[in-house]
Structure formats: C-alpha cells, structure tokens
Amino acid sequence: MTQDSIHAAPKAGKSIRPSRWVRIDQTMIDQFGAITFDPDPMHIDAEWARENGPYGGTIAFGFLTLSLLTHFLHDAMNSSPESELRQPGHFLNYGFNRVRFITPVRSNERVRGHFRIKDSVSDEQGRLMTCVHCEIEIEGRDRPALVAEWLSLQVPPEAI
C-alpha cells in the first residue's frame, strides 16, 4: 500500500468531536432483542433482571451498543464540518481489529461516541483504509461501555 492517492488521507491522531448523547431505553433494548431473536431476560425482562441479575435491572445488549457506532460517527462528523473523513465516493464497513465490551449499559443510561483516527493508508486501487479508535462513553461513569478499532474502506467515485 502507498500513501499516493487522489485524495488526502486523514491524519493519524486526529480526533473528531464527540457525538450527541443517546438514551438507551427499555423499548430500544426490547426491539433489538426482538429483531435479533435474542430473548435473554438479562436484557428484556425487567423483573427477572432486578431479582436475578447483578445490575439491579436490565442492561443493553453489547451488540446494540456496538451497532450505535455508525449513528455516533455520522452525528460526530455532521457536527465537525472540517472532518477529514469526508471524502468523495462511498464508505464500506471493513470490520474491526478489536472490540471490547468494558462496562454494561443499564436501561435508561445515556451514551455517546468518541472517535480518533488511528491510521489511514491508500491501496493500489486508490481505496482508502482507515482505522478509527472508538469509545462509547456512559454518562456519569468512569469506564466506557465499549472500546473498538473500526476499519472502513473508502472507495473513490472513479473506482465504482
């Protein structure tokens, strides 16, 4: 891979403004459980979770928290007009180098995303592979809900 490209690669270490807060309520958790066919009572049965779980109530699915990354990144980019991630063409999810679920998100807690460009390289086809360090913060908590290294592939218009 080379750094030569028709577009400028985002600079490593560059942070994007945090996203706005999103409340993860029980309705959202229940809908996620239904759509993913996961009836785990730790997430969808408030009475069971209160009586049997270690968190005093239901918690969000880890994959629900992970799935909010796209919304959070778009929101952060929209509030950062100078965002270096804005490039012509289209973006594809390429995967993750690492995902860790650090702290469970309790029902009705608010979360938001923080993003920092870790690395960005162009390949021989002019596509840009960017690795973004992501953290999902839980309002009022010391530890994040999630930490990840998210890979995206930006395909320039002429490569489509």
N, C-alpha and C. Protein backbone atom coordinates (compact mmCIF):
# COMPACT_ATOMS: atom_id res chain seq x y z
N MET A 1 0.83 -1.18 0.00
CA MET A 1 0.00 0.00 0.00
C MET A 1 0.88 1.24 0.00
N THR A 2 0.38 2.26 -0.63
CA THR A 2 1.12 3.51 -0.70
C THR A 2 0.28 4.64 -0.15
N GLN A 3 0.92 5.74 0.15
CA GLN A 3 0.22 6.92 0.59
C GLN A 3 -0.23 7.77 -0.60
N ASP A 4 0.20 7.42 -1.83
CA ASP A 4 -0.22 8.17 -3.01
C ASP A 4 -1.68 7.86 -3.29
N SER A 5 -2.45 8.90 -3.47
CA SER A 5 -3.88 8.73 -3.69
C SER A 5 -4.44 9.99 -4.31
N ILE A 6 -5.63 9.87 -4.86
CA ILE A 6 -6.27 11.05 -5.42
C ILE A 6 -6.88 11.92 -4.33
N HIS A 7 -6.91 11.44 -3.12
CA HIS A 7 -7.45 12.22 -2.02
C HIS A 7 -6.51 12.12 -0.83
N ALA A 8 -6.61 13.10 0.05
CA ALA A 8 -5.71 13.14 1.21
C ALA A 8 -6.19 12.16 2.27
N ALA A 9 -5.26 11.44 2.84
CA ALA A 9 -5.58 10.52 3.92
C ALA A 9 -5.77 11.30 5.21
N PRO A 10 -6.75 10.92 6.03
CA PRO A 10 -6.90 11.57 7.33
C PRO A 10 -5.64 11.40 8.16
N LYS A 11 -5.34 12.37 8.99
CA LYS A 11 -4.13 12.35 9.80
C LYS A 11 -4.31 11.49 11.04
N ALA A 12 -3.35 10.61 11.28
CA ALA A 12 -3.36 9.78 12.48
C ALA A 12 -3.34 10.68 13.71
N GLY A 13 -4.11 10.32 14.71
CA GLY A 13 -4.19 11.08 15.94
C GLY A 13 -5.27 12.13 15.96
N LYS A 14 -5.83 12.45 14.80
CA LYS A 14 -6.87 13.48 14.71
C LYS A 14 -8.16 12.98 15.36
N SER A 15 -8.69 13.77 16.30
CA SER A 15 -9.96 13.44 16.95
C SER A 15 -11.10 14.16 16.26
N ILE A 16 -12.24 13.54 16.32
CA ILE A 16 -13.49 14.12 15.82
C ILE A 16 -14.30 14.51 17.05
N ARG A 17 -15.08 15.55 16.96
CA ARG A 17 -15.91 15.94 18.09
C ARG A 17 -16.77 14.76 18.55
N PRO A 18 -17.08 14.70 19.85
CA PRO A 18 -17.96 13.62 20.32
C PRO A 18 -19.35 13.76 19.70
N SER A 19 -20.03 12.65 19.60
CA SER A 19 -21.42 12.68 19.13
C SER A 19 -22.31 13.25 20.23
N ARG A 20 -23.56 13.44 19.89
CA ARG A 20 -24.55 13.82 20.90
C ARG A 20 -24.94 12.58 21.70
N TRP A 21 -25.53 12.81 22.85
CA TRP A 21 -25.96 11.73 23.73
C TRP A 21 -27.19 11.02 23.18
N VAL A 22 -27.27 9.72 23.40
CA VAL A 22 -28.44 8.91 23.08
C VAL A 22 -28.81 8.11 24.32
N ARG A 23 -30.08 8.16 24.68
CA ARG A 23 -30.58 7.36 25.80
C ARG A 23 -30.95 5.97 25.28
N ILE A 24 -30.40 4.95 25.92
CA ILE A 24 -30.77 3.58 25.57
C ILE A 24 -31.86 3.16 26.56
N ASP A 25 -33.11 3.21 26.09
CA ASP A 25 -34.22 2.88 26.97
C ASP A 25 -34.68 1.44 26.77
N GLN A 26 -35.61 1.01 27.59
CA GLN A 26 -36.04 -0.38 27.54
C GLN A 26 -36.72 -0.72 26.23
N THR A 27 -37.44 0.22 25.63
CA THR A 27 -38.07 -0.03 24.33
C THR A 27 -37.02 -0.36 23.28
N MET A 28 -35.93 0.41 23.25
CA MET A 28 -34.86 0.16 22.29
C MET A 28 -34.24 -1.22 22.53
N ILE A 29 -34.01 -1.56 23.79
CA ILE A 29 -33.42 -2.86 24.14
C ILE A 29 -34.36 -3.99 23.72
N ASP A 30 -35.65 -3.84 24.01
CA ASP A 30 -36.63 -4.86 23.64
C ASP A 30 -36.69 -5.05 22.12
N GLN A 31 -36.69 -3.94 21.38
CA GLN A 31 -36.74 -4.02 19.92
C GLN A 31 -35.50 -4.70 19.37
N PHE A 32 -34.34 -4.41 19.94
CA PHE A 32 -33.11 -5.06 19.49
C PHE A 32 -33.18 -6.56 19.76
N GLY A 33 -33.66 -6.94 20.94
CA GLY A 33 -33.82 -8.36 21.26
C GLY A 33 -34.76 -9.06 20.30
N ALA A 34 -35.86 -8.40 19.96
CA ALA A 34 -36.83 -8.99 19.02
C ALA A 34 -36.23 -9.15 17.63
N ILE A 35 -35.56 -8.13 17.15
CA ILE A 35 -35.05 -8.18 15.77
C ILE A 35 -33.88 -9.14 15.63
N THR A 36 -33.17 -9.42 16.74
CA THR A 36 -32.04 -10.35 16.68
C THR A 36 -32.40 -11.73 17.23
N PHE A 37 -33.69 -11.94 17.54
CA PHE A 37 -34.18 -13.23 18.04
C PHE A 37 -33.46 -13.66 19.32
N ASP A 38 -33.20 -12.69 20.21
CA ASP A 38 -32.48 -12.97 21.45
C ASP A 38 -33.37 -12.59 22.65
N PRO A 39 -34.02 -13.57 23.27
CA PRO A 39 -34.93 -13.29 24.38
C PRO A 39 -34.26 -13.31 25.77
N ASP A 40 -32.99 -13.04 25.85
CA ASP A 40 -32.25 -13.10 27.12
C ASP A 40 -32.92 -12.20 28.17
N PRO A 41 -33.36 -12.78 29.31
CA PRO A 41 -34.07 -11.99 30.32
C PRO A 41 -33.19 -10.92 30.97
N MET A 42 -31.87 -11.07 30.92
CA MET A 42 -30.99 -10.03 31.47
C MET A 42 -31.22 -8.69 30.75
N HIS A 43 -31.71 -8.79 29.52
CA HIS A 43 -31.92 -7.60 28.70
C HIS A 43 -33.39 -7.20 28.59
N ILE A 44 -34.29 -8.15 28.49
CA ILE A 44 -35.68 -7.81 28.14
C ILE A 44 -36.71 -8.05 29.24
N ASP A 45 -36.32 -8.61 30.37
CA ASP A 45 -37.27 -8.89 31.45
C ASP A 45 -36.84 -8.12 32.70
N ALA A 46 -37.43 -6.94 32.89
CA ALA A 46 -37.01 -6.05 33.98
C ALA A 46 -37.15 -6.71 35.35
N GLU A 47 -38.25 -7.41 35.58
CA GLU A 47 -38.45 -8.06 36.88
C GLU A 47 -37.41 -9.15 37.11
N TRP A 48 -37.18 -9.99 36.11
CA TRP A 48 -36.18 -11.05 36.25
C TRP A 48 -34.80 -10.45 36.50
N ALA A 49 -34.45 -9.42 35.73
CA ALA A 49 -33.13 -8.80 35.85
C ALA A 49 -32.95 -8.15 37.22
N ARG A 50 -34.00 -7.54 37.75
CA ARG A 50 -33.94 -6.92 39.07
C ARG A 50 -33.71 -7.97 40.15
N GLU A 51 -34.41 -9.10 40.04
CA GLU A 51 -34.34 -10.16 41.06
C GLU A 51 -33.13 -11.08 40.91
N ASN A 52 -32.65 -11.29 39.71
CA ASN A 52 -31.62 -12.31 39.46
C ASN A 52 -30.30 -11.78 38.91
N GLY A 53 -30.30 -10.61 38.35
CA GLY A 53 -29.10 -10.10 37.70
C GLY A 53 -28.25 -9.26 38.64
N PRO A 54 -27.01 -9.05 38.28
CA PRO A 54 -26.08 -8.29 39.13
C PRO A 54 -26.16 -6.76 38.96
N TYR A 55 -27.03 -6.26 38.07
CA TYR A 55 -27.02 -4.83 37.75
C TYR A 55 -28.23 -4.07 38.28
N GLY A 56 -29.13 -4.75 38.99
CA GLY A 56 -30.30 -4.09 39.55
C GLY A 56 -31.39 -3.81 38.53
N GLY A 57 -31.25 -4.33 37.34
CA GLY A 57 -32.23 -4.14 36.28
C GLY A 57 -31.65 -4.62 34.97
N THR A 58 -32.33 -4.29 33.89
CA THR A 58 -31.88 -4.75 32.57
C THR A 58 -30.69 -3.93 32.08
N ILE A 59 -29.95 -4.54 31.18
CA ILE A 59 -28.82 -3.87 30.52
C ILE A 59 -28.99 -4.01 29.01
N ALA A 60 -28.37 -3.10 28.29
CA ALA A 60 -28.40 -3.15 26.83
C ALA A 60 -27.57 -4.33 26.35
N PHE A 61 -27.97 -4.90 25.23
CA PHE A 61 -27.15 -5.90 24.55
C PHE A 61 -25.84 -5.23 24.15
N GLY A 62 -24.73 -5.93 24.28
CA GLY A 62 -23.45 -5.39 23.83
C GLY A 62 -23.47 -5.05 22.35
N PHE A 63 -24.13 -5.92 21.57
CA PHE A 63 -24.18 -5.66 20.13
C PHE A 63 -25.09 -4.49 19.78
N LEU A 64 -26.05 -4.16 20.65
CA LEU A 64 -26.84 -2.94 20.46
C LEU A 64 -25.91 -1.74 20.62
N THR A 65 -25.11 -1.76 21.66
CA THR A 65 -24.15 -0.67 21.88
C THR A 65 -23.21 -0.54 20.68
N LEU A 66 -22.68 -1.66 20.23
CA LEU A 66 -21.79 -1.66 19.06
C LEU A 66 -22.49 -1.11 17.82
N SER A 67 -23.75 -1.48 17.64
CA SER A 67 -24.47 -1.06 16.44
C SER A 67 -24.70 0.45 16.38
N LEU A 68 -24.58 1.14 17.50
CA LEU A 68 -24.75 2.59 17.52
C LEU A 68 -23.54 3.35 16.98
N LEU A 69 -22.43 2.65 16.75
CA LEU A 69 -21.23 3.34 16.26
C LEU A 69 -21.48 4.11 14.97
N THR A 70 -22.21 3.53 14.03
CA THR A 70 -22.47 4.23 12.77
C THR A 70 -23.23 5.53 13.02
N HIS A 71 -24.28 5.47 13.82
CA HIS A 71 -25.03 6.69 14.14
C HIS A 71 -24.12 7.71 14.82
N PHE A 72 -23.35 7.26 15.80
CA PHE A 72 -22.49 8.18 16.53
C PHE A 72 -21.45 8.82 15.62
N LEU A 73 -20.84 8.04 14.73
CA LEU A 73 -19.83 8.61 13.83
C LEU A 73 -20.47 9.61 12.87
N HIS A 74 -21.62 9.29 12.30
CA HIS A 74 -22.29 10.24 11.41
C HIS A 74 -22.64 11.52 12.16
N ASP A 75 -23.15 11.38 13.38
CA ASP A 75 -23.51 12.55 14.17
C ASP A 75 -22.27 13.40 14.48
N ALA A 76 -21.18 12.75 14.86
CA ALA A 76 -19.94 13.48 15.16
C ALA A 76 -19.40 14.18 13.92
N MET A 77 -19.45 13.50 12.78
CA MET A 77 -18.97 14.11 11.53
C MET A 77 -19.85 15.29 11.12
N ASN A 78 -21.16 15.18 11.32
CA ASN A 78 -22.06 16.28 10.96
C ASN A 78 -21.83 17.51 11.83
N SER A 79 -21.34 17.30 13.06
CA SER A 79 -21.05 18.44 13.93
C SER A 79 -19.62 18.93 13.74
N SER A 80 -18.86 18.25 12.87
CA SER A 80 -17.47 18.64 12.58
C SER A 80 -17.32 18.84 11.09
N PRO A 81 -17.71 20.02 10.58
CA PRO A 81 -17.65 20.22 9.13
C PRO A 81 -16.26 20.08 8.54
N GLU A 82 -15.23 20.22 9.37
CA GLU A 82 -13.86 20.09 8.88
C GLU A 82 -13.39 18.64 8.91
N SER A 83 -14.26 17.71 9.23
CA SER A 83 -13.87 16.31 9.39
C SER A 83 -13.11 15.78 8.18
N GLU A 84 -11.94 15.22 8.46
CA GLU A 84 -11.10 14.65 7.40
C GLU A 84 -11.67 13.36 6.84
N LEU A 85 -12.66 12.80 7.49
CA LEU A 85 -13.27 11.57 6.98
C LEU A 85 -14.25 11.85 5.84
N ARG A 86 -14.56 13.12 5.62
CA ARG A 86 -15.45 13.47 4.50
C ARG A 86 -14.63 13.41 3.21
N GLN A 87 -14.93 12.43 2.39
CA GLN A 87 -14.24 12.24 1.12
C GLN A 87 -15.29 11.90 0.07
N PRO A 88 -15.01 12.15 -1.21
CA PRO A 88 -15.94 11.72 -2.26
C PRO A 88 -15.95 10.20 -2.36
N GLY A 89 -17.01 9.65 -2.89
CA GLY A 89 -17.13 8.20 -3.03
C GLY A 89 -18.03 7.64 -1.97
N HIS A 90 -17.84 6.37 -1.65
CA HIS A 90 -18.67 5.76 -0.61
C HIS A 90 -17.81 4.93 0.34
N PHE A 91 -18.32 4.76 1.55
CA PHE A 91 -17.62 4.02 2.59
C PHE A 91 -18.25 2.66 2.77
N LEU A 92 -17.42 1.68 3.02
CA LEU A 92 -17.86 0.33 3.34
C LEU A 92 -17.28 -0.07 4.69
N ASN A 93 -18.08 -0.74 5.51
CA ASN A 93 -17.51 -1.32 6.72
C ASN A 93 -16.58 -2.44 6.30
N TYR A 94 -15.38 -2.44 6.83
CA TYR A 94 -14.41 -3.49 6.52
C TYR A 94 -14.26 -4.46 7.67
N GLY A 95 -14.58 -4.00 8.88
CA GLY A 95 -14.51 -4.87 10.04
C GLY A 95 -13.90 -4.15 11.23
N PHE A 96 -13.42 -4.95 12.16
CA PHE A 96 -12.83 -4.43 13.38
C PHE A 96 -11.53 -5.16 13.66
N ASN A 97 -10.52 -4.43 14.09
CA ASN A 97 -9.31 -5.07 14.59
C ASN A 97 -9.54 -5.58 15.99
N ARG A 98 -10.37 -4.85 16.73
CA ARG A 98 -10.55 -5.16 18.14
C ARG A 98 -11.87 -4.56 18.61
N VAL A 99 -12.62 -5.31 19.41
CA VAL A 99 -13.83 -4.80 20.07
C VAL A 99 -13.81 -5.35 21.49
N ARG A 100 -14.01 -4.47 22.45
CA ARG A 100 -14.10 -4.89 23.85
C ARG A 100 -15.31 -4.22 24.49
N PHE A 101 -16.15 -5.02 25.14
CA PHE A 101 -17.29 -4.52 25.89
C PHE A 101 -16.82 -4.36 27.33
N ILE A 102 -16.61 -3.14 27.77
CA ILE A 102 -15.97 -2.86 29.05
C ILE A 102 -16.98 -2.80 30.20
N THR A 103 -18.02 -1.98 30.03
CA THR A 103 -18.99 -1.74 31.09
C THR A 103 -20.40 -1.89 30.52
N PRO A 104 -21.25 -2.68 31.17
CA PRO A 104 -22.63 -2.81 30.69
C PRO A 104 -23.37 -1.47 30.78
N VAL A 105 -24.23 -1.23 29.80
CA VAL A 105 -25.06 -0.02 29.78
C VAL A 105 -26.42 -0.40 30.36
N ARG A 106 -26.77 0.23 31.48
CA ARG A 106 -28.06 -0.04 32.11
C ARG A 106 -29.17 0.67 31.33
N SER A 107 -30.34 0.07 31.37
CA SER A 107 -31.51 0.68 30.73
C SER A 107 -31.67 2.12 31.24
N ASN A 108 -31.93 3.03 30.31
CA ASN A 108 -32.14 4.46 30.54
C ASN A 108 -30.86 5.26 30.75
N GLU A 109 -29.70 4.65 30.58
CA GLU A 109 -28.47 5.43 30.62
C GLU A 109 -28.23 6.07 29.25
N ARG A 110 -27.50 7.19 29.28
CA ARG A 110 -27.16 7.87 28.03
C ARG A 110 -25.72 7.55 27.66
N VAL A 111 -25.51 7.40 26.36
CA VAL A 111 -24.18 7.09 25.82
C VAL A 111 -23.88 8.02 24.65
N ARG A 112 -22.58 8.18 24.36
CA ARG A 112 -22.17 8.93 23.17
C ARG A 112 -20.83 8.38 22.69
N GLY A 113 -20.52 8.68 21.44
CA GLY A 113 -19.31 8.15 20.82
C GLY A 113 -18.19 9.17 20.75
N HIS A 114 -16.98 8.67 20.93
CA HIS A 114 -15.75 9.44 20.74
C HIS A 114 -14.91 8.72 19.69
N PHE A 115 -14.30 9.48 18.79
CA PHE A 115 -13.57 8.88 17.67
C PHE A 115 -12.24 9.59 17.45
N ARG A 116 -11.21 8.78 17.15
CA ARG A 116 -9.89 9.30 16.83
C ARG A 116 -9.31 8.46 15.70
N ILE A 117 -8.78 9.11 14.70
CA ILE A 117 -8.18 8.39 13.57
C ILE A 117 -6.89 7.76 14.05
N LYS A 118 -6.79 6.46 13.90
CA LYS A 118 -5.58 5.74 14.32
C LYS A 118 -4.60 5.61 13.16
N ASP A 119 -5.12 5.31 11.97
CA ASP A 119 -4.25 5.09 10.82
C ASP A 119 -5.08 5.19 9.55
N SER A 120 -4.44 5.54 8.46
CA SER A 120 -5.13 5.61 7.18
C SER A 120 -4.11 5.38 6.07
N VAL A 121 -4.39 4.42 5.20
CA VAL A 121 -3.49 4.13 4.09
C VAL A 121 -4.30 3.89 2.82
N SER A 122 -3.70 4.26 1.68
CA SER A 122 -4.32 4.01 0.38
C SER A 122 -3.72 2.75 -0.23
N ASP A 123 -4.54 2.02 -0.97
CA ASP A 123 -4.01 0.83 -1.64
C ASP A 123 -3.80 1.13 -3.13
N GLU A 124 -3.35 0.14 -3.86
CA GLU A 124 -3.02 0.31 -5.28
C GLU A 124 -4.24 0.65 -6.14
N GLN A 125 -5.43 0.43 -5.63
CA GLN A 125 -6.66 0.75 -6.37
C GLN A 125 -7.21 2.12 -6.01
N GLY A 126 -6.50 2.86 -5.16
CA GLY A 126 -6.94 4.20 -4.77
C GLY A 126 -7.97 4.19 -3.66
N ARG A 127 -8.21 3.04 -3.06
CA ARG A 127 -9.15 2.96 -1.94
C ARG A 127 -8.41 3.34 -0.67
N LEU A 128 -9.13 3.94 0.25
CA LEU A 128 -8.54 4.40 1.49
C LEU A 128 -9.04 3.55 2.65
N MET A 129 -8.12 2.86 3.32
CA MET A 129 -8.45 2.07 4.50
C MET A 129 -8.13 2.90 5.73
N THR A 130 -9.16 3.16 6.53
CA THR A 130 -8.99 3.98 7.73
C THR A 130 -9.35 3.17 8.96
N CYS A 131 -8.49 3.25 9.96
CA CYS A 131 -8.74 2.62 11.25
C CYS A 131 -9.09 3.74 12.23
N VAL A 132 -10.26 3.64 12.85
CA VAL A 132 -10.72 4.66 13.78
C VAL A 132 -10.84 4.04 15.17
N HIS A 133 -10.17 4.66 16.14
CA HIS A 133 -10.31 4.24 17.53
C HIS A 133 -11.63 4.81 18.04
N CYS A 134 -12.47 3.95 18.60
CA CYS A 134 -13.81 4.33 19.05
C CYS A 134 -13.98 4.02 20.53
N GLU A 135 -14.63 4.91 21.23
CA GLU A 135 -15.05 4.66 22.60
C GLU A 135 -16.48 5.13 22.75
N ILE A 136 -17.28 4.31 23.41
CA ILE A 136 -18.63 4.73 23.75
C ILE A 136 -18.65 5.03 25.24
N GLU A 137 -18.86 6.29 25.55
CA GLU A 137 -18.90 6.79 26.91
C GLU A 137 -20.30 6.61 27.49
N ILE A 138 -20.37 6.26 28.77
CA ILE A 138 -21.63 6.22 29.51
C ILE A 138 -21.66 7.46 30.40
N GLU A 139 -22.71 8.24 30.28
CA GLU A 139 -22.80 9.49 31.04
C GLU A 139 -22.66 9.22 32.55
N GLY A 140 -21.73 9.95 33.17
CA GLY A 140 -21.54 9.85 34.61
C GLY A 140 -20.75 8.65 35.09
N ARG A 141 -20.26 7.85 34.18
CA ARG A 141 -19.49 6.66 34.57
C ARG A 141 -18.02 6.86 34.20
N ASP A 142 -17.13 6.23 34.96
CA ASP A 142 -15.69 6.38 34.74
C ASP A 142 -15.17 5.53 33.60
N ARG A 143 -15.79 4.37 33.38
CA ARG A 143 -15.29 3.44 32.37
C ARG A 143 -16.22 3.45 31.16
N PRO A 144 -15.67 3.29 29.96
CA PRO A 144 -16.52 3.28 28.76
C PRO A 144 -17.33 2.00 28.65
N ALA A 145 -18.37 2.06 27.87
CA ALA A 145 -19.17 0.88 27.57
C ALA A 145 -18.41 -0.03 26.61
N LEU A 146 -17.71 0.60 25.68
CA LEU A 146 -17.10 -0.15 24.58
C LEU A 146 -15.86 0.59 24.09
N VAL A 147 -14.86 -0.18 23.69
CA VAL A 147 -13.67 0.35 23.02
C VAL A 147 -13.44 -0.52 21.80
N ALA A 148 -13.18 0.10 20.65
CA ALA A 148 -13.01 -0.67 19.42
C ALA A 148 -12.07 0.03 18.46
N GLU A 149 -11.50 -0.76 17.55
CA GLU A 149 -10.76 -0.24 16.39
C GLU A 149 -11.57 -0.65 15.17
N TRP A 150 -12.17 0.34 14.53
CA TRP A 150 -13.12 0.13 13.44
C TRP A 150 -12.44 0.44 12.12
N LEU A 151 -12.56 -0.48 11.18
CA LEU A 151 -11.95 -0.31 9.86
C LEU A 151 -13.03 0.05 8.83
N SER A 152 -12.74 1.06 8.02
CA SER A 152 -13.63 1.39 6.91
C SER A 152 -12.80 1.48 5.63
N LEU A 153 -13.46 1.20 4.54
CA LEU A 153 -12.83 1.27 3.23
C LEU A 153 -13.58 2.33 2.43
N GLN A 154 -12.87 3.39 2.06
CA GLN A 154 -13.47 4.45 1.26
C GLN A 154 -13.12 4.22 -0.19
N VAL A 155 -14.14 4.08 -1.02
CA VAL A 155 -13.95 3.81 -2.45
C VAL A 155 -14.23 5.11 -3.21
N PRO A 156 -13.24 5.64 -3.93
CA PRO A 156 -13.44 6.89 -4.66
C PRO A 156 -14.43 6.70 -5.82
N PRO A 157 -15.07 7.78 -6.26
CA PRO A 157 -16.10 7.68 -7.30
C PRO A 157 -15.61 6.98 -8.59
N GLU A 158 -14.39 7.24 -8.99
CA GLU A 158 -13.90 6.66 -10.26
C GLU A 158 -13.64 5.17 -10.15
N ALA A 159 -13.62 4.60 -8.94
CA ALA A 159 -13.39 3.16 -8.77
C ALA A 159 -14.70 2.38 -8.73
N ILE A 160 -15.80 3.08 -8.80
CA ILE A 160 -17.12 2.43 -8.69
C ILE A 160 -17.52 1.84 -10.04
